[in-house]
Protein backbone atom coordinates (compact mmCIF):
# COMPACT_ATOMS: atom_id res chain seq x y z
CA MET A 1 157.08 83.74 147.26
CA LYS A 2 154.07 84.31 149.55
CA LEU A 3 152.44 86.50 146.90
CA TRP A 4 152.81 83.75 144.30
CA ALA A 5 151.23 81.23 146.66
CA LEU A 6 148.37 83.65 147.36
CA LEU A 7 147.72 84.19 143.65
CA GLN A 8 147.54 80.44 143.09
CA SER A 9 145.02 79.85 145.88
CA TRP A 10 141.32 80.00 145.04
CA PRO A 11 140.78 83.42 146.68
CA GLY A 12 143.83 84.73 144.85
CA ARG A 13 142.55 83.51 141.49
CA TYR A 14 139.25 85.33 142.02
CA LEU A 15 141.12 88.42 143.20
CA VAL A 16 143.03 88.37 139.90
CA SER A 17 139.69 88.19 138.09
CA VAL A 18 138.35 91.25 139.88
CA ALA A 19 141.63 93.13 139.37
CA VAL A 20 141.86 92.55 135.63
CA VAL A 21 138.23 93.58 135.10
CA GLY A 22 138.91 96.68 137.19
CA GLY A 23 141.94 97.41 135.05
CA ALA A 24 139.95 96.95 131.84
CA THR A 25 137.28 99.29 133.19
CA VAL A 26 139.79 102.00 134.06
CA LEU A 27 141.63 101.69 130.75
CA THR A 28 138.37 101.80 128.78
CA ALA A 29 137.28 104.90 130.70
CA LEU A 30 140.59 106.56 129.86
CA LEU A 31 140.08 106.10 126.12
CA PRO A 32 139.46 109.34 124.23
CA ASP A 33 135.88 110.09 123.23
CA GLU A 34 136.76 109.68 119.55
CA ILE A 35 137.38 105.98 120.15
CA GLU A 36 134.29 103.82 120.48
CA ARG A 37 133.95 103.23 124.23
CA ARG A 38 131.25 100.62 123.69
CA ASN A 39 133.97 98.43 122.24
CA ALA A 40 134.52 95.50 124.63
CA THR A 41 138.02 94.57 123.45
CA LEU A 42 139.74 95.20 126.78
CA PHE A 43 137.03 93.25 128.59
CA PHE A 44 137.56 90.25 126.31
CA GLY A 45 141.22 90.42 127.32
CA ALA A 46 140.25 90.55 130.99
CA VAL A 47 138.06 87.46 130.62
CA MET A 48 140.82 85.65 128.73
CA VAL A 49 143.45 86.38 131.39
CA SER A 50 141.07 85.48 134.23
CA ALA A 51 140.00 82.21 132.66
CA TRP A 52 143.59 81.31 131.74
CA TRP A 53 144.81 81.99 135.28
CA GLY A 54 141.88 80.75 137.34
CA GLY A 55 139.83 78.47 135.12
CA PHE A 56 136.16 78.35 134.20
CA GLY A 57 134.76 79.84 137.43
CA CYS A 58 137.08 82.83 137.41
CA GLY A 59 136.30 83.38 133.74
CA LEU A 60 132.58 83.43 134.50
CA VAL A 61 133.11 85.91 137.34
CA SER A 62 135.06 88.15 134.97
CA THR A 63 132.37 87.76 132.32
CA PHE A 64 129.65 88.85 134.75
CA LEU A 65 131.65 91.76 136.18
CA SER A 66 132.62 92.90 132.67
CA ALA A 67 129.01 92.79 131.48
CA VAL A 68 127.91 94.86 134.46
CA ALA A 69 130.67 97.41 133.85
CA ILE A 70 129.88 97.62 130.13
CA ALA A 71 126.14 97.99 130.67
CA TYR A 72 126.39 100.50 133.50
CA LEU A 73 129.37 102.62 132.48
CA PHE A 74 129.83 102.44 128.71
CA MET A 75 126.44 102.00 127.06
CA PRO A 76 124.59 105.17 125.92
CA LEU A 77 122.22 105.51 128.89
CA LEU A 78 125.13 106.07 131.26
CA HIS A 79 124.85 104.91 134.86
CA THR A 80 121.66 102.98 134.24
CA PHE A 81 120.95 99.45 133.13
CA GLY A 82 118.46 100.53 130.45
CA LEU A 83 119.72 99.36 127.06
CA ALA A 84 118.60 99.97 123.49
CA SER A 85 117.96 96.89 121.36
CA ASP A 86 121.30 97.12 119.50
CA ASP A 87 123.10 97.43 122.83
CA GLN A 88 121.23 94.38 124.14
CA ILE A 89 122.41 92.40 121.13
CA ARG A 90 125.98 93.64 121.60
CA LEU A 91 125.93 92.70 125.30
CA CYS A 92 124.44 89.26 124.59
CA LEU A 93 127.16 88.59 122.02
CA PHE A 94 129.78 89.65 124.55
CA LEU A 95 128.31 87.27 127.13
CA ALA A 96 128.23 84.39 124.64
CA VAL A 97 131.80 84.85 123.40
CA ALA A 98 133.21 85.54 126.89
CA GLY A 99 131.41 82.44 128.19
CA LEU A 100 132.96 80.40 125.39
CA ILE A 101 136.41 81.80 126.22
CA SER A 102 135.89 80.79 129.85
CA TYR A 103 134.70 77.31 128.93
CA LEU A 104 137.62 76.67 126.56
CA ASN A 105 140.19 77.82 129.11
CA GLY A 106 138.56 75.67 131.78
CA ALA A 107 138.69 72.66 129.44
CA ARG A 108 142.35 73.42 128.69
CA GLN A 109 143.17 73.49 132.41
CA ARG A 110 141.36 70.21 133.05
CA ALA A 111 143.22 68.58 130.16
CA GLU A 112 146.56 69.83 131.45
CA GLU A 113 145.80 68.51 134.94
CA HIS A 114 144.70 65.16 133.49
CA HIS A 115 147.92 64.75 131.50
CA ALA A 116 150.26 66.06 134.20
């Protein structure tokens, strides 16, 4: 019961955000080389779960952490933040869609609180 209360507090919600992005990073790193590692599918899932659980702010934190992980670990110039133009476009699209996911989940939470 104490764990559940912790996860519902504001620090707990942000901890969930960091944990799911960490999980997406580890799972993406474990993918075989034949699979496109620049694919951000697991990170979209991390943003979705974070925003659903914690709202808009947690979704934005997950979006930022995911973008950093993608740019630093999974783009061709590994362990740098230098990106080719197609990678910049891919990362910008990720940021836009993940931001939209965060916004929509935040709006859903506000609507549920308003009608509760």
